[in-house]
PDB file of N, CA and C in Angstrom:
ATOM      1  N   MET A   1     252.002 -30.300 224.571  1.00  0.00           N
ATOM      2  CA  MET A   1     252.028 -31.265 223.496  1.00  0.00           C
ATOM      3  C   MET A   1     250.869 -31.046 222.524  1.00  0.00           C
ATOM      4  N   SER A   2     250.428 -29.825 222.379  1.00  0.00           N
ATOM      5  CA  SER A   2     249.295 -29.562 221.495  1.00  0.00           C
ATOM      6  C   SER A   2     249.664 -29.689 220.016  1.00  0.00           C
ATOM      7  N   GLY A   3     250.941 -29.734 219.681  1.00  0.00           N
ATOM      8  CA  GLY A   3     251.352 -29.909 218.298  1.00  0.00           C
ATOM      9  C   GLY A   3     251.471 -31.363 217.883  1.00  0.00           C
ATOM     10  N   LEU A   4     251.180 -32.279 218.801  1.00  0.00           N
ATOM     11  CA  LEU A   4     251.308 -33.709 218.541  1.00  0.00           C
ATOM     12  C   LEU A   4     249.929 -34.366 218.541  1.00  0.00           C
ATOM     13  N   ALA A   5     249.625 -35.111 217.486  1.00  0.00           N
ATOM     14  CA  ALA A   5     248.353 -35.835 217.400  1.00  0.00           C
ATOM     15  C   ALA A   5     248.607 -37.300 217.748  1.00  0.00           C
ATOM     16  N   THR A   6     247.776 -37.876 218.608  1.00  0.00           N
ATOM     17  CA  THR A   6     247.925 -39.274 218.997  1.00  0.00           C
ATOM     18  C   THR A   6     246.652 -40.047 218.678  1.00  0.00           C
ATOM     19  N   LYS A   7     246.840 -41.321 218.358  1.00  0.00           N
ATOM     20  CA  LYS A   7     245.724 -42.218 218.074  1.00  0.00           C
ATOM     21  C   LYS A   7     245.956 -43.490 218.883  1.00  0.00           C
ATOM     22  N   PHE A   8     245.064 -43.791 219.785  1.00  0.00           N
ATOM     23  CA  PHE A   8     245.178 -44.987 220.608  1.00  0.00           C
ATOM     24  C   PHE A   8     244.461 -46.135 219.908  1.00  0.00           C
ATOM     25  N   VAL A   9     245.229 -47.149 219.506  1.00  0.00           N
ATOM     26  CA  VAL A   9     244.693 -48.273 218.746  1.00  0.00           C
ATOM     27  C   VAL A   9     244.033 -49.293 219.668  1.00  0.00           C
ATOM     28  N   GLU A  10     244.641 -49.548 220.804  1.00  0.00           N
ATOM     29  CA  GLU A  10     244.122 -50.518 221.768  1.00  0.00           C
ATOM     30  C   GLU A  10     244.011 -49.888 223.140  1.00  0.00           C
ATOM     31  N   GLU A  11     243.168 -50.458 223.960  1.00  0.00           N
ATOM     32  CA  GLU A  11     243.107 -50.063 225.356  1.00  0.00           C
ATOM     33  C   GLU A  11     244.322 -50.632 226.085  1.00  0.00           C
ATOM     34  N   LEU A  12     244.644 -50.079 227.208  1.00  0.00           N
ATOM     35  CA  LEU A  12     245.752 -50.566 228.027  1.00  0.00           C
ATOM     36  C   LEU A  12     245.419 -51.955 228.559  1.00  0.00           C
ATOM     37  N   GLU A  13     246.329 -52.906 228.348  1.00  0.00           N
ATOM     38  CA  GLU A  13     246.179 -54.252 228.895  1.00  0.00           C
ATOM     39  C   GLU A  13     247.200 -54.424 229.996  1.00  0.00           C
ATOM     40  N   LEU A  14     246.753 -54.882 231.144  1.00  0.00           N
ATOM     41  CA  LEU A  14     247.609 -55.029 232.318  1.00  0.00           C
ATOM     42  C   LEU A  14     247.503 -56.451 232.834  1.00  0.00           C
ATOM     43  N   GLU A  15     248.635 -57.071 233.120  1.00  0.00           N
ATOM     44  CA  GLU A  15     248.656 -58.436 233.633  1.00  0.00           C
ATOM     45  C   GLU A  15     249.534 -58.483 234.885  1.00  0.00           C
ATOM     46  N   VAL A  16     249.006 -59.063 235.931  1.00  0.00           N
ATOM     47  CA  VAL A  16     249.742 -59.214 237.188  1.00  0.00           C
ATOM     48  C   VAL A  16     250.285 -60.640 237.254  1.00  0.00           C
ATOM     49  N   LEU A  17     251.596 -60.760 237.451  1.00  0.00           N
ATOM     50  CA  LEU A  17     252.268 -62.061 237.482  1.00  0.00           C
ATOM     51  C   LEU A  17     252.590 -62.422 238.922  1.00  0.00           C
ATOM     52  N   ARG A  18     251.669 -63.074 239.611  1.00  0.00           N
ATOM     53  CA  ARG A  18     251.871 -63.418 241.016  1.00  0.00           C
ATOM     54  C   ARG A  18     252.703 -64.689 241.179  1.00  0.00           C
ATOM     55  N   GLU A  19     252.403 -65.721 240.402  1.00  0.00           N
ATOM     56  CA  GLU A  19     253.070 -67.007 240.584  1.00  0.00           C
ATOM     57  C   GLU A  19     254.521 -66.983 240.134  1.00  0.00           C
ATOM     58  N   LYS A  20     254.834 -66.246 239.092  1.00  0.00           N
ATOM     59  CA  LYS A  20     256.195 -66.244 238.548  1.00  0.00           C
ATOM     60  C   LYS A  20     257.209 -65.731 239.574  1.00  0.00           C
ATOM     61  N   TYR A  21     256.827 -64.778 240.391  1.00  0.00           N
ATOM     62  CA  TYR A  21     257.739 -64.166 241.357  1.00  0.00           C
ATOM     63  C   TYR A  21     257.406 -64.552 242.801  1.00  0.00           C
ATOM     64  N   ALA A  22     256.607 -65.595 243.001  1.00  0.00           N
ATOM     65  CA  ALA A  22     256.164 -65.973 244.343  1.00  0.00           C
ATOM     66  C   ALA A  22     257.340 -66.399 245.226  1.00  0.00           C
ATOM     67  N   ASP A  23     258.333 -67.076 244.658  1.00  0.00           N
ATOM     68  CA  ASP A  23     259.475 -67.519 245.468  1.00  0.00           C
ATOM     69  C   ASP A  23     260.353 -66.347 245.913  1.00  0.00           C
ATOM     70  N   GLN A  24     260.190 -65.181 245.301  1.00  0.00           N
ATOM     71  CA  GLN A  24     260.936 -63.981 245.687  1.00  0.00           C
ATOM     72  C   GLN A  24     260.085 -63.031 246.535  1.00  0.00           C
ATOM     73  N   HIS A  25     258.870 -63.460 246.890  1.00  0.00           N
ATOM     74  CA  HIS A  25     257.917 -62.628 247.648  1.00  0.00           C
ATOM     75  C   HIS A  25     257.685 -61.292 246.944  1.00  0.00           C
ATOM     76  N   ALA A  26     257.489 -61.375 245.613  1.00  0.00           N
ATOM     77  CA  ALA A  26     257.285 -60.174 244.804  1.00  0.00           C
ATOM     78  C   ALA A  26     256.137 -60.412 243.830  1.00  0.00           C
ATOM     79  N   ILE A  27     255.668 -59.340 243.234  1.00  0.00           N
ATOM     80  CA  ILE A  27     254.616 -59.391 242.230  1.00  0.00           C
ATOM     81  C   ILE A  27     255.141 -58.684 240.984  1.00  0.00           C
ATOM     82  N   GLY A  28     255.007 -59.314 239.824  1.00  0.00           N
ATOM     83  CA  GLY A  28     255.413 -58.698 238.564  1.00  0.00           C
ATOM     84  C   GLY A  28     254.207 -58.123 237.851  1.00  0.00           C
ATOM     85  N   VAL A  29     254.434 -57.079 237.095  1.00  0.00           N
ATOM     86  CA  VAL A  29     253.356 -56.432 236.345  1.00  0.00           C
ATOM     87  C   VAL A  29     253.840 -56.200 234.914  1.00  0.00           C
ATOM     88  N   VAL A  30     253.015 -56.578 233.943  1.00  0.00           N
ATOM     89  CA  VAL A  30     253.320 -56.359 232.538  1.00  0.00           C
ATOM     90  C   VAL A  30     252.169 -55.567 231.937  1.00  0.00           C
ATOM     91  N   ALA A  31     252.499 -54.554 231.124  1.00  0.00           N
ATOM     92  CA  ALA A  31     251.462 -53.736 230.488  1.00  0.00           C
ATOM     93  C   ALA A  31     251.752 -53.594 229.004  1.00  0.00           C
ATOM     94  N   TRP A  32     250.676 -53.595 228.194  1.00  0.00           N
ATOM     95  CA  TRP A  32     250.777 -53.391 226.758  1.00  0.00           C
ATOM     96  C   TRP A  32     249.844 -52.261 226.365  1.00  0.00           C
ATOM     97  N   MET A  33     250.313 -51.457 225.415  1.00  0.00           N
ATOM     98  CA  MET A  33     249.469 -50.400 224.866  1.00  0.00           C
ATOM     99  C   MET A  33     249.987 -50.085 223.461  1.00  0.00           C
ATOM    100  N   GLU A  34     249.093 -49.960 222.526  1.00  0.00           N
ATOM    101  CA  GLU A  34     249.490 -49.627 221.163  1.00  0.00           C
ATOM    102  C   GLU A  34     248.885 -48.288 220.786  1.00  0.00           C
ATOM    103  N   PHE A  35     249.758 -47.377 220.356  1.00  0.00           N
ATOM    104  CA  PHE A  35     249.267 -46.088 219.901  1.00  0.00           C
ATOM    105  C   PHE A  35     250.189 -45.541 218.816  1.00  0.00           C
ATOM    106  N   ASP A  36     249.725 -44.551 218.101  1.00  0.00           N
ATOM    107  CA  ASP A  36     250.472 -43.928 217.025  1.00  0.00           C
ATOM    108  C   ASP A  36     250.469 -42.428 217.265  1.00  0.00           C
ATOM    109  N   ALA A  37     251.504 -41.746 216.800  1.00  0.00           N
ATOM    110  CA  ALA A  37     251.583 -40.302 216.986  1.00  0.00           C
ATOM    111  C   ALA A  37     252.228 -39.661 215.766  1.00  0.00           C
ATOM    112  N   LYS A  38     251.847 -38.426 215.496  1.00  0.00           N
ATOM    113  CA  LYS A  38     252.505 -37.666 214.430  1.00  0.00           C
ATOM    114  C   LYS A  38     252.496 -36.186 214.808  1.00  0.00           C
ATOM    115  N   VAL A  39     253.491 -35.472 214.304  1.00  0.00           N
ATOM    116  CA  VAL A  39     253.608 -34.039 214.555  1.00  0.00           C
ATOM    117  C   VAL A  39     252.688 -33.316 213.581  1.00  0.00           C
ATOM    118  N   GLU A  40     251.741 -32.565 214.132  1.00  0.00           N
ATOM    119  CA  GLU A  40     250.833 -31.790 213.285  1.00  0.00           C
ATOM    120  C   GLU A  40     251.281 -30.340 213.132  1.00  0.00           C
ATOM    121  N   ASP A  41     251.926 -29.796 214.160  1.00  0.00           N
ATOM    122  CA  ASP A  41     252.407 -28.414 214.105  1.00  0.00           C
ATOM    123  C   ASP A  41     253.820 -28.394 214.681  1.00  0.00           C
ATOM    124  N   ALA A  42     254.824 -28.407 213.806  1.00  0.00           N
ATOM    125  CA  ALA A  42     256.226 -28.485 214.232  1.00  0.00           C
ATOM    126  C   ALA A  42     256.669 -27.264 215.044  1.00  0.00           C
ATOM    127  N   GLN A  43     256.015 -26.133 214.889  1.00  0.00           N
ATOM    128  CA  GLN A  43     256.378 -24.932 215.636  1.00  0.00           C
ATOM    129  C   GLN A  43     256.023 -25.058 217.117  1.00  0.00           C
ATOM    130  N   LYS A  44     255.145 -25.967 217.464  1.00  0.00           N
ATOM    131  CA  LYS A  44     254.764 -26.158 218.864  1.00  0.00           C
ATOM    132  C   LYS A  44     255.613 -27.216 219.563  1.00  0.00           C
ATOM    133  N   ILE A  45     256.517 -27.874 218.819  1.00  0.00           N
ATOM    134  CA  ILE A  45     257.357 -28.943 219.374  1.00  0.00           C
ATOM    135  C   ILE A  45     258.803 -28.436 219.403  1.00  0.00           C
ATOM    136  N   SER A  46     259.482 -28.655 220.514  1.00  0.00           N
ATOM    137  CA  SER A  46     260.882 -28.257 220.620  1.00  0.00           C
ATOM    138  C   SER A  46     261.777 -29.489 220.544  1.00  0.00           C
ATOM    139  N   LYS A  47     263.034 -29.279 220.150  1.00  0.00           N
ATOM    140  CA  LYS A  47     263.985 -30.377 219.997  1.00  0.00           C
ATOM    141  C   LYS A  47     265.224 -30.056 220.813  1.00  0.00           C
ATOM    142  N   LEU A  48     265.681 -31.008 221.599  1.00  0.00           N
ATOM    143  CA  LEU A  48     266.882 -30.855 222.411  1.00  0.00           C
ATOM    144  C   LEU A  48     268.030 -31.546 221.703  1.00  0.00           C
ATOM    145  N   THR A  49     269.123 -30.835 221.470  1.00  0.00           N
ATOM    146  CA  THR A  49     270.306 -31.392 220.820  1.00  0.00           C
ATOM    147  C   THR A  49     271.469 -31.356 221.804  1.00  0.00           C
ATOM    148  N   CYS A  50     272.112 -32.507 222.007  1.00  0.00           N
ATOM    149  CA  CYS A  50     273.247 -32.602 222.931  1.00  0.00           C
ATOM    150  C   CYS A  50     274.470 -33.117 222.181  1.00  0.00           C
ATOM    151  N   LYS A  51     275.648 -32.643 222.572  1.00  0.00           N
ATOM    152  CA  LYS A  51     276.882 -33.150 221.993  1.00  0.00           C
ATOM    153  C   LYS A  51     277.215 -34.497 222.617  1.00  0.00           C
ATOM    154  N   ALA A  52     277.807 -35.370 221.832  1.00  0.00           N
ATOM    155  CA  ALA A  52     278.160 -36.716 222.321  1.00  0.00           C
ATOM    156  C   ALA A  52     279.401 -36.666 223.189  1.00  0.00           C
TER     157      ALA A  52
END
């Protein structure tokens, strides 16, 4: 992925939801992350094309 430039706007935020799923004996996890990306060198990126 050396042809792709990325910019991370925010750090990863992780939240554990223990109470919401307590009656199911489970734990939920929610994560947020904001980042941006752009192609800097198209020759280093490949594209897969499939027929429908």
